[in-house]
């Protein structure tokens, strides 16, 4: 019996690293291509934005603003401030500008009543401005009727 002294490590062929290297290169190329396609807007709808970015915007149509008189509201004794000075403009559909201007006294009455009725802590809280604005806009839309008023733009909200 002849014994061969072969080592299993010497007889097994070495594993090739070529498939691993090819896979790594392909992964890098595909990842880079995907990044570029997303970044440049070829994927996920970004191409539409970049196509319209070079065009000049069209003229504003059907937009008008109705300025409201300045309101001065006296705040209660528990408030840190004595008065609230409030000014605003109402964004309206251009065809309804005259109607909303005609209803301005009613709008001022609704805003004055609302601002006097709410708690002074809500007026003094800066984070509550969005909620106050939404409440006032809704009240204005009720007074003027649906479809006339688009937005309320607060131009002055000063506590003194």
N, C-alpha and C. Protein backbone atom coordinates (compact mmCIF):
# COMPACT_ATOMS: atom_id res chain seq x y z
N UNK A 1 0.81 -1.14 0.00
CA UNK A 1 0.00 0.00 0.00
C UNK A 1 0.87 1.22 0.00
N UNK A 2 0.63 1.89 -1.00
CA UNK A 2 1.41 3.11 -1.11
C UNK A 2 0.59 4.25 -0.56
N UNK A 3 1.21 4.99 0.22
CA UNK A 3 0.51 6.15 0.78
C UNK A 3 0.98 7.38 0.04
N UNK A 4 0.04 8.10 -0.38
CA UNK A 4 0.41 9.35 -1.02
C UNK A 4 0.25 10.45 0.00
N UNK A 5 1.18 11.23 0.01
CA UNK A 5 1.21 12.31 0.98
C UNK A 5 0.71 13.60 0.29
N UNK A 6 -0.55 13.64 0.00
CA UNK A 6 -1.09 14.84 -0.65
C UNK A 6 -1.89 15.63 0.37
N UNK A 7 -1.68 16.84 0.35
CA UNK A 7 -2.36 17.76 1.25
C UNK A 7 -3.65 18.24 0.55
N UNK A 8 -4.79 18.21 1.23
CA UNK A 8 -6.03 18.63 0.57
C UNK A 8 -5.99 20.09 0.14
N UNK A 9 -5.22 20.92 0.82
CA UNK A 9 -5.12 22.33 0.45
C UNK A 9 -4.40 22.48 -0.87
N UNK A 10 -3.46 21.60 -1.16
CA UNK A 10 -2.69 21.71 -2.39
C UNK A 10 -3.48 21.19 -3.59
N UNK A 11 -4.36 20.24 -3.40
CA UNK A 11 -5.06 19.64 -4.52
C UNK A 11 -6.31 20.41 -4.90
N UNK A 12 -6.94 21.13 -3.98
CA UNK A 12 -8.16 21.89 -4.29
C UNK A 12 -7.77 23.11 -5.10
N UNK A 13 -8.50 23.36 -6.19
CA UNK A 13 -8.16 24.54 -6.98
C UNK A 13 -8.52 25.82 -6.22
N UNK A 14 -7.77 26.87 -6.44
CA UNK A 14 -8.05 28.14 -5.77
C UNK A 14 -9.33 28.74 -6.33
N UNK A 15 -10.10 29.32 -5.45
CA UNK A 15 -11.34 29.97 -5.88
C UNK A 15 -10.97 31.27 -6.59
N UNK A 16 -11.63 31.49 -7.66
CA UNK A 16 -11.35 32.69 -8.45
C UNK A 16 -12.07 33.89 -7.82
N UNK A 17 -11.44 35.00 -7.78
CA UNK A 17 -12.04 36.23 -7.25
C UNK A 17 -12.62 37.07 -8.38
N UNK A 18 -12.56 36.57 -9.56
CA UNK A 18 -13.03 37.30 -10.72
C UNK A 18 -14.54 37.58 -10.65
N UNK A 19 -15.41 36.61 -10.29
CA UNK A 19 -16.85 36.91 -10.20
C UNK A 19 -17.15 37.96 -9.12
N UNK A 20 -16.45 37.91 -8.01
CA UNK A 20 -16.67 38.89 -6.95
C UNK A 20 -16.30 40.28 -7.43
N UNK A 21 -15.20 40.40 -8.12
CA UNK A 21 -14.74 41.68 -8.64
C UNK A 21 -15.69 42.22 -9.69
N UNK A 22 -16.18 41.37 -10.57
CA UNK A 22 -17.13 41.80 -11.60
C UNK A 22 -18.44 42.26 -10.94
N UNK A 23 -18.91 41.54 -9.95
CA UNK A 23 -20.13 41.92 -9.23
C UNK A 23 -19.98 43.25 -8.53
N UNK A 24 -18.85 43.50 -7.92
CA UNK A 24 -18.60 44.76 -7.23
C UNK A 24 -18.59 45.93 -8.21
N UNK A 25 -17.93 45.76 -9.35
CA UNK A 25 -17.87 46.82 -10.36
C UNK A 25 -19.27 47.10 -10.91
N UNK A 26 -20.04 46.05 -11.19
CA UNK A 26 -21.40 46.25 -11.69
C UNK A 26 -22.28 46.95 -10.66
N UNK A 27 -22.14 46.58 -9.39
CA UNK A 27 -22.93 47.23 -8.34
C UNK A 27 -22.61 48.72 -8.25
N UNK A 28 -21.35 49.06 -8.35
CA UNK A 28 -20.95 50.47 -8.30
C UNK A 28 -21.49 51.23 -9.51
N UNK A 29 -21.37 50.63 -10.69
CA UNK A 29 -21.87 51.29 -11.91
C UNK A 29 -23.39 51.47 -11.88
N UNK A 30 -24.12 50.44 -11.47
CA UNK A 30 -25.57 50.56 -11.41
C UNK A 30 -26.02 51.54 -10.33
N UNK A 31 -25.35 51.53 -9.20
CA UNK A 31 -25.68 52.49 -8.13
C UNK A 31 -25.42 53.92 -8.58
N UNK A 32 -24.29 54.14 -9.23
CA UNK A 32 -23.98 55.49 -9.73
C UNK A 32 -24.96 55.92 -10.81
N UNK A 33 -25.33 55.01 -11.70
CA UNK A 33 -26.30 55.34 -12.74
C UNK A 33 -27.67 55.65 -12.16
N UNK A 34 -28.09 54.90 -11.16
CA UNK A 34 -29.36 55.16 -10.51
C UNK A 34 -29.37 56.50 -9.79
N UNK A 35 -28.26 56.81 -9.13
CA UNK A 35 -28.15 58.10 -8.46
C UNK A 35 -28.24 59.24 -9.46
N UNK A 36 -27.51 59.12 -10.56
CA UNK A 36 -27.53 60.18 -11.57
C UNK A 36 -28.93 60.33 -12.18
N UNK A 37 -29.60 59.22 -12.46
CA UNK A 37 -30.93 59.29 -13.06
C UNK A 37 -31.91 59.97 -12.12
N UNK A 38 -31.82 59.70 -10.84
CA UNK A 38 -32.70 60.34 -9.87
C UNK A 38 -32.34 61.80 -9.67
N UNK A 39 -31.09 62.08 -9.56
CA UNK A 39 -30.61 63.45 -9.30
C UNK A 39 -30.91 64.37 -10.48
N UNK A 40 -30.75 63.88 -11.69
CA UNK A 40 -30.97 64.71 -12.88
C UNK A 40 -32.44 64.83 -13.22
N UNK A 41 -33.29 64.03 -12.60
CA UNK A 41 -34.71 64.14 -12.84
C UNK A 41 -35.23 63.20 -13.91
N UNK A 42 -34.44 62.26 -14.35
CA UNK A 42 -34.91 61.31 -15.34
C UNK A 42 -35.89 60.31 -14.74
N UNK A 43 -35.81 60.12 -13.44
CA UNK A 43 -36.68 59.18 -12.73
C UNK A 43 -37.45 59.96 -11.67
N UNK A 44 -38.63 59.53 -11.32
CA UNK A 44 -39.46 60.10 -10.26
C UNK A 44 -40.03 61.47 -10.59
N UNK A 45 -40.25 61.78 -11.85
CA UNK A 45 -40.95 62.99 -12.25
C UNK A 45 -40.17 64.27 -12.11
N UNK A 46 -38.93 64.25 -11.83
CA UNK A 46 -38.16 65.48 -11.70
C UNK A 46 -37.93 66.16 -13.03
N UNK A 47 -38.04 65.44 -14.13
CA UNK A 47 -37.80 66.00 -15.44
C UNK A 47 -38.82 67.06 -15.81
N UNK A 48 -40.07 66.91 -15.36
CA UNK A 48 -41.10 67.89 -15.66
C UNK A 48 -40.79 69.22 -14.99
N UNK A 49 -40.29 69.17 -13.76
CA UNK A 49 -39.95 70.40 -13.05
C UNK A 49 -38.80 71.12 -13.72
N UNK A 50 -37.80 70.38 -14.14
CA UNK A 50 -36.65 71.02 -14.76
C UNK A 50 -37.01 71.54 -16.14
N UNK A 51 -37.98 70.93 -16.83
CA UNK A 51 -38.39 71.41 -18.14
C UNK A 51 -39.14 72.72 -18.04
N UNK A 52 -39.94 72.92 -16.98
CA UNK A 52 -40.69 74.15 -16.82
C UNK A 52 -39.91 75.21 -16.05
N UNK A 53 -38.77 74.85 -15.50
CA UNK A 53 -38.00 75.81 -14.71
C UNK A 53 -37.43 76.93 -15.58
N UNK A 54 -37.15 76.66 -16.83
CA UNK A 54 -36.57 77.67 -17.70
C UNK A 54 -37.58 78.62 -18.28
N UNK A 55 -38.87 78.31 -18.24
CA UNK A 55 -39.90 79.15 -18.81
C UNK A 55 -40.31 80.24 -17.83
N UNK A 56 -40.65 81.39 -18.37
CA UNK A 56 -41.12 82.49 -17.54
C UNK A 56 -42.55 82.21 -17.11
N UNK A 57 -42.90 82.56 -15.88
CA UNK A 57 -44.27 82.32 -15.43
C UNK A 57 -45.24 83.22 -16.18
N UNK A 58 -46.45 82.73 -16.34
CA UNK A 58 -47.48 83.49 -17.02
C UNK A 58 -48.01 84.59 -16.13
N UNK A 59 -48.81 85.46 -16.69
CA UNK A 59 -49.37 86.56 -15.90
C UNK A 59 -50.38 86.03 -14.88
N UNK A 60 -50.44 86.72 -13.77
CA UNK A 60 -51.42 86.36 -12.74
C UNK A 60 -52.79 86.83 -13.21
N UNK A 61 -53.70 85.93 -13.24
CA UNK A 61 -55.05 86.29 -13.65
C UNK A 61 -56.02 85.86 -12.57
N UNK A 62 -57.10 86.58 -12.53
CA UNK A 62 -58.19 86.24 -11.64
C UNK A 62 -57.79 86.32 -10.16
N UNK A 63 -56.88 87.25 -9.82
CA UNK A 63 -56.49 87.44 -8.43
C UNK A 63 -56.63 88.92 -8.10
N UNK A 64 -57.23 89.21 -6.97
CA UNK A 64 -57.36 90.58 -6.49
C UNK A 64 -57.24 90.56 -4.97
N UNK A 65 -56.88 91.69 -4.42
CA UNK A 65 -56.73 91.82 -2.97
C UNK A 65 -57.61 92.96 -2.48
N UNK A 66 -58.32 92.69 -1.40
CA UNK A 66 -59.17 93.69 -0.78
C UNK A 66 -58.57 94.00 0.59
N UNK A 67 -58.06 95.23 0.77
CA UNK A 67 -57.49 95.57 2.08
C UNK A 67 -58.59 95.81 3.10
N UNK A 68 -58.32 95.39 4.31
CA UNK A 68 -59.25 95.61 5.41
C UNK A 68 -58.70 96.70 6.31
N UNK A 69 -59.60 97.42 6.96
CA UNK A 69 -59.16 98.46 7.88
C UNK A 69 -58.42 97.84 9.06
N UNK A 70 -57.56 98.61 9.69
CA UNK A 70 -56.80 98.13 10.84
C UNK A 70 -57.72 98.05 12.05
N UNK A 71 -57.63 96.95 12.75
CA UNK A 71 -58.39 96.75 13.99
C UNK A 71 -57.45 96.92 15.18
N UNK A 72 -57.92 97.60 16.21
CA UNK A 72 -57.20 97.68 17.47
C UNK A 72 -58.10 97.06 18.53
N UNK A 73 -57.64 95.96 19.08
CA UNK A 73 -58.42 95.19 20.04
C UNK A 73 -57.79 95.36 21.42
N UNK A 74 -58.59 95.77 22.40
CA UNK A 74 -58.05 95.85 23.76
C UNK A 74 -58.13 94.46 24.38
N UNK A 75 -57.03 94.08 25.02
CA UNK A 75 -56.93 92.76 25.62
C UNK A 75 -57.29 92.85 27.10
N UNK A 76 -57.61 91.73 27.67
CA UNK A 76 -58.06 91.68 29.06
C UNK A 76 -56.97 92.00 30.07
N UNK A 77 -57.34 92.12 31.34
CA UNK A 77 -56.38 92.48 32.39
C UNK A 77 -55.36 91.37 32.68
N UNK A 78 -55.66 90.13 32.32
CA UNK A 78 -54.72 89.04 32.57
C UNK A 78 -53.67 88.90 31.47
N UNK A 79 -53.71 89.77 30.49
CA UNK A 79 -52.78 89.72 29.36
C UNK A 79 -51.51 90.49 29.67
N UNK A 80 -50.41 90.06 29.06
CA UNK A 80 -49.14 90.79 29.22
C UNK A 80 -49.14 92.07 28.38
N UNK A 81 -49.96 92.13 27.34
CA UNK A 81 -50.06 93.30 26.47
C UNK A 81 -51.42 93.95 26.66
N UNK A 82 -51.51 95.22 26.27
CA UNK A 82 -52.77 95.94 26.43
C UNK A 82 -53.63 95.88 25.17
N UNK A 83 -52.97 95.94 23.99
CA UNK A 83 -53.72 96.02 22.74
C UNK A 83 -53.14 95.10 21.69
N UNK A 84 -54.00 94.72 20.77
CA UNK A 84 -53.61 93.98 19.57
C UNK A 84 -53.93 94.87 18.38
N UNK A 85 -52.93 95.10 17.56
CA UNK A 85 -53.13 95.86 16.31
C UNK A 85 -53.11 94.84 15.18
N UNK A 86 -54.22 94.78 14.42
CA UNK A 86 -54.40 93.75 13.40
C UNK A 86 -54.78 94.39 12.07
N UNK A 87 -53.99 94.05 11.03
CA UNK A 87 -54.30 94.47 9.66
C UNK A 87 -54.23 93.25 8.77
N UNK A 88 -55.04 93.26 7.72
CA UNK A 88 -55.05 92.12 6.81
C UNK A 88 -55.57 92.53 5.45
N UNK A 89 -55.32 91.66 4.49
CA UNK A 89 -55.90 91.78 3.16
C UNK A 89 -56.52 90.44 2.82
N UNK A 90 -57.59 90.50 2.06
CA UNK A 90 -58.30 89.30 1.66
C UNK A 90 -58.01 89.04 0.19
N UNK A 91 -57.51 87.84 -0.11
CA UNK A 91 -57.29 87.46 -1.51
C UNK A 91 -58.60 86.90 -2.04
N UNK A 92 -59.07 87.50 -3.13
CA UNK A 92 -60.37 87.13 -3.68
C UNK A 92 -60.25 86.80 -5.16
N UNK A 93 -61.29 86.18 -5.68
CA UNK A 93 -61.42 85.99 -7.11
C UNK A 93 -61.72 87.37 -7.70
N UNK A 94 -61.08 87.71 -8.80
CA UNK A 94 -61.19 89.06 -9.35
C UNK A 94 -62.63 89.48 -9.63
N UNK A 95 -63.44 88.56 -10.06
CA UNK A 95 -64.83 88.89 -10.36
C UNK A 95 -65.64 89.19 -9.09
N UNK A 96 -65.15 88.77 -7.94
CA UNK A 96 -65.87 88.99 -6.69
C UNK A 96 -65.28 90.12 -5.86
N UNK A 97 -64.34 90.88 -6.43
CA UNK A 97 -63.66 91.93 -5.67
C UNK A 97 -64.65 92.98 -5.16
N UNK A 98 -65.56 93.43 -6.00
CA UNK A 98 -66.51 94.46 -5.58
C UNK A 98 -67.47 93.94 -4.51
N UNK A 99 -67.89 92.69 -4.65
CA UNK A 99 -68.79 92.09 -3.66
C UNK A 99 -68.13 92.00 -2.29
N UNK A 100 -66.87 91.57 -2.26
CA UNK A 100 -66.16 91.43 -0.99
C UNK A 100 -65.88 92.79 -0.38
N UNK A 101 -65.54 93.78 -1.22
CA UNK A 101 -65.32 95.14 -0.71
C UNK A 101 -66.61 95.69 -0.11
N UNK A 102 -67.74 95.35 -0.71
CA UNK A 102 -69.03 95.79 -0.18
C UNK A 102 -69.32 95.16 1.18
N UNK A 103 -68.85 93.93 1.37
CA UNK A 103 -69.07 93.22 2.64
C UNK A 103 -67.98 93.46 3.68
N UNK A 104 -67.06 94.38 3.42
CA UNK A 104 -65.95 94.65 4.34
C UNK A 104 -66.41 94.98 5.76
N UNK A 105 -67.47 95.78 5.96
CA UNK A 105 -67.91 96.04 7.35
C UNK A 105 -68.33 94.76 8.09
N UNK A 106 -68.99 93.84 7.39
CA UNK A 106 -69.36 92.57 8.02
C UNK A 106 -68.12 91.74 8.35
N UNK A 107 -67.15 91.74 7.44
CA UNK A 107 -65.90 91.00 7.68
C UNK A 107 -65.20 91.55 8.91
N UNK A 108 -65.12 92.88 9.01
CA UNK A 108 -64.47 93.50 10.17
C UNK A 108 -65.23 93.17 11.46
N UNK A 109 -66.55 93.12 11.39
CA UNK A 109 -67.34 92.78 12.56
C UNK A 109 -67.06 91.35 13.01
N UNK A 110 -67.00 90.42 12.06
CA UNK A 110 -66.73 89.03 12.40
C UNK A 110 -65.33 88.87 12.99
N UNK A 111 -64.33 89.54 12.39
CA UNK A 111 -62.96 89.44 12.90
C UNK A 111 -62.84 90.07 14.28
N UNK A 112 -63.48 91.23 14.46
CA UNK A 112 -63.44 91.91 15.75
C UNK A 112 -64.08 91.05 16.83
N UNK A 113 -65.23 90.47 16.53
CA UNK A 113 -65.92 89.61 17.50
C UNK A 113 -65.08 88.38 17.84
N UNK A 114 -64.47 87.78 16.83
CA UNK A 114 -63.66 86.58 17.07
C UNK A 114 -62.42 86.90 17.90
N UNK A 115 -61.72 87.96 17.54
CA UNK A 115 -60.48 88.29 18.26
C UNK A 115 -60.75 88.72 19.71
N UNK A 116 -61.91 89.30 19.97
CA UNK A 116 -62.26 89.67 21.35
C UNK A 116 -62.70 88.45 22.15
N UNK A 117 -63.24 87.44 21.48
CA UNK A 117 -63.79 86.29 22.19
C UNK A 117 -62.75 85.24 22.56
N UNK A 118 -61.66 85.17 21.83
CA UNK A 118 -60.68 84.12 22.13
C UNK A 118 -59.84 84.48 23.34
N UNK A 119 -59.25 83.48 23.92
CA UNK A 119 -58.43 83.65 25.12
C UNK A 119 -57.17 84.43 24.76
N UNK A 120 -56.75 85.32 25.65
CA UNK A 120 -55.56 86.14 25.37
C UNK A 120 -54.30 85.28 25.28
N UNK A 121 -54.28 84.14 25.93
CA UNK A 121 -53.11 83.26 25.83
C UNK A 121 -52.95 82.74 24.41
N UNK A 122 -54.08 82.52 23.70
CA UNK A 122 -54.01 82.10 22.30
C UNK A 122 -53.45 83.20 21.42
N UNK A 123 -53.79 84.42 21.70
CA UNK A 123 -53.29 85.54 20.91
C UNK A 123 -51.79 85.73 21.13
N UNK A 124 -51.34 85.55 22.35
CA UNK A 124 -49.94 85.78 22.68
C UNK A 124 -49.03 84.62 22.29
N UNK A 125 -49.58 83.46 22.02
CA UNK A 125 -48.79 82.29 21.64
C UNK A 125 -48.42 82.37 20.16
N UNK A 126 -47.12 82.48 19.81
CA UNK A 126 -46.73 82.59 18.41
C UNK A 126 -47.08 81.35 17.59
N UNK A 127 -47.12 80.19 18.21
CA UNK A 127 -47.42 78.96 17.49
C UNK A 127 -48.89 78.87 17.10
N UNK A 128 -49.74 79.69 17.68
CA UNK A 128 -51.17 79.62 17.40
C UNK A 128 -51.58 80.46 16.20
N UNK A 129 -50.65 81.16 15.59
CA UNK A 129 -50.99 82.07 14.48
C UNK A 129 -51.65 81.33 13.32
N UNK A 130 -51.18 80.18 12.96
CA UNK A 130 -51.76 79.43 11.84
C UNK A 130 -53.21 79.03 12.14
N UNK A 131 -53.46 78.61 13.36
CA UNK A 131 -54.83 78.22 13.74
C UNK A 131 -55.74 79.44 13.76
N UNK A 132 -55.25 80.56 14.31
CA UNK A 132 -56.05 81.78 14.33
C UNK A 132 -56.39 82.24 12.91
N UNK A 133 -55.40 82.19 12.04
CA UNK A 133 -55.60 82.60 10.65
C UNK A 133 -56.63 81.71 9.96
N UNK A 134 -56.55 80.41 10.18
CA UNK A 134 -57.50 79.48 9.57
C UNK A 134 -58.92 79.73 10.08
N UNK A 135 -59.05 80.00 11.38
CA UNK A 135 -60.37 80.29 11.94
C UNK A 135 -60.95 81.58 11.37
N UNK A 136 -60.11 82.61 11.25
CA UNK A 136 -60.59 83.88 10.70
C UNK A 136 -60.97 83.73 9.23
N UNK A 137 -60.16 83.00 8.46
CA UNK A 137 -60.46 82.77 7.05
C UNK A 137 -61.79 82.06 6.89
N UNK A 138 -62.03 81.04 7.70
CA UNK A 138 -63.28 80.30 7.60
C UNK A 138 -64.48 81.20 7.90
N UNK A 139 -64.34 82.07 8.88
CA UNK A 139 -65.43 82.99 9.21
C UNK A 139 -65.68 83.98 8.07
N UNK A 140 -64.61 84.45 7.45
CA UNK A 140 -64.75 85.38 6.31
C UNK A 140 -65.44 84.67 5.15
N UNK A 141 -65.08 83.42 4.89
CA UNK A 141 -65.70 82.67 3.80
C UNK A 141 -67.18 82.45 4.05
N UNK A 142 -67.56 82.29 5.29
CA UNK A 142 -68.98 82.13 5.61
C UNK A 142 -69.73 83.43 5.34
N UNK A 143 -69.15 84.57 5.71
CA UNK A 143 -69.79 85.86 5.51
C UNK A 143 -69.91 86.19 4.02
N UNK A 144 -68.87 85.94 3.25
CA UNK A 144 -68.85 86.35 1.84
C UNK A 144 -69.48 85.32 0.91
N UNK A 145 -69.62 84.10 1.34
CA UNK A 145 -70.17 83.06 0.49
C UNK A 145 -69.04 82.23 -0.11
N UNK A 146 -69.35 81.00 -0.46
CA UNK A 146 -68.35 80.06 -0.97
C UNK A 146 -67.81 80.52 -2.33
N UNK A 147 -66.51 80.32 -2.52
CA UNK A 147 -65.89 80.54 -3.82
C UNK A 147 -65.41 81.96 -4.08
N UNK A 148 -65.63 82.89 -3.19
CA UNK A 148 -65.19 84.25 -3.43
C UNK A 148 -63.83 84.55 -2.81
N UNK A 149 -63.62 84.10 -1.59
CA UNK A 149 -62.39 84.41 -0.86
C UNK A 149 -61.47 83.21 -0.92
N UNK A 150 -60.22 83.45 -1.35
CA UNK A 150 -59.22 82.37 -1.42
C UNK A 150 -58.37 82.29 -0.17
N UNK A 151 -57.96 83.46 0.36
CA UNK A 151 -57.01 83.42 1.46
C UNK A 151 -57.10 84.70 2.27
N UNK A 152 -56.58 84.64 3.47
CA UNK A 152 -56.46 85.81 4.34
C UNK A 152 -54.98 86.05 4.56
N UNK A 153 -54.53 87.23 4.21
CA UNK A 153 -53.12 87.59 4.36
C UNK A 153 -52.99 88.58 5.51
N UNK A 154 -52.39 88.15 6.59
CA UNK A 154 -52.22 89.01 7.76
C UNK A 154 -50.99 89.87 7.53
N UNK A 155 -51.19 91.18 7.47
CA UNK A 155 -50.08 92.09 7.22
C UNK A 155 -49.53 92.71 8.50
N UNK A 156 -50.35 92.72 9.56
CA UNK A 156 -49.88 93.28 10.83
C UNK A 156 -50.59 92.56 11.97
N UNK A 157 -49.79 92.09 12.93
CA UNK A 157 -50.31 91.42 14.11
C UNK A 157 -49.37 91.79 15.24
N UNK A 158 -49.63 92.93 15.86
CA UNK A 158 -48.71 93.50 16.83
C UNK A 158 -49.38 93.59 18.19
N UNK A 159 -48.70 93.04 19.18
CA UNK A 159 -49.16 93.15 20.56
C UNK A 159 -48.35 94.25 21.25
N UNK A 160 -49.04 95.22 21.84
CA UNK A 160 -48.33 96.27 22.57
C UNK A 160 -49.08 96.68 23.81
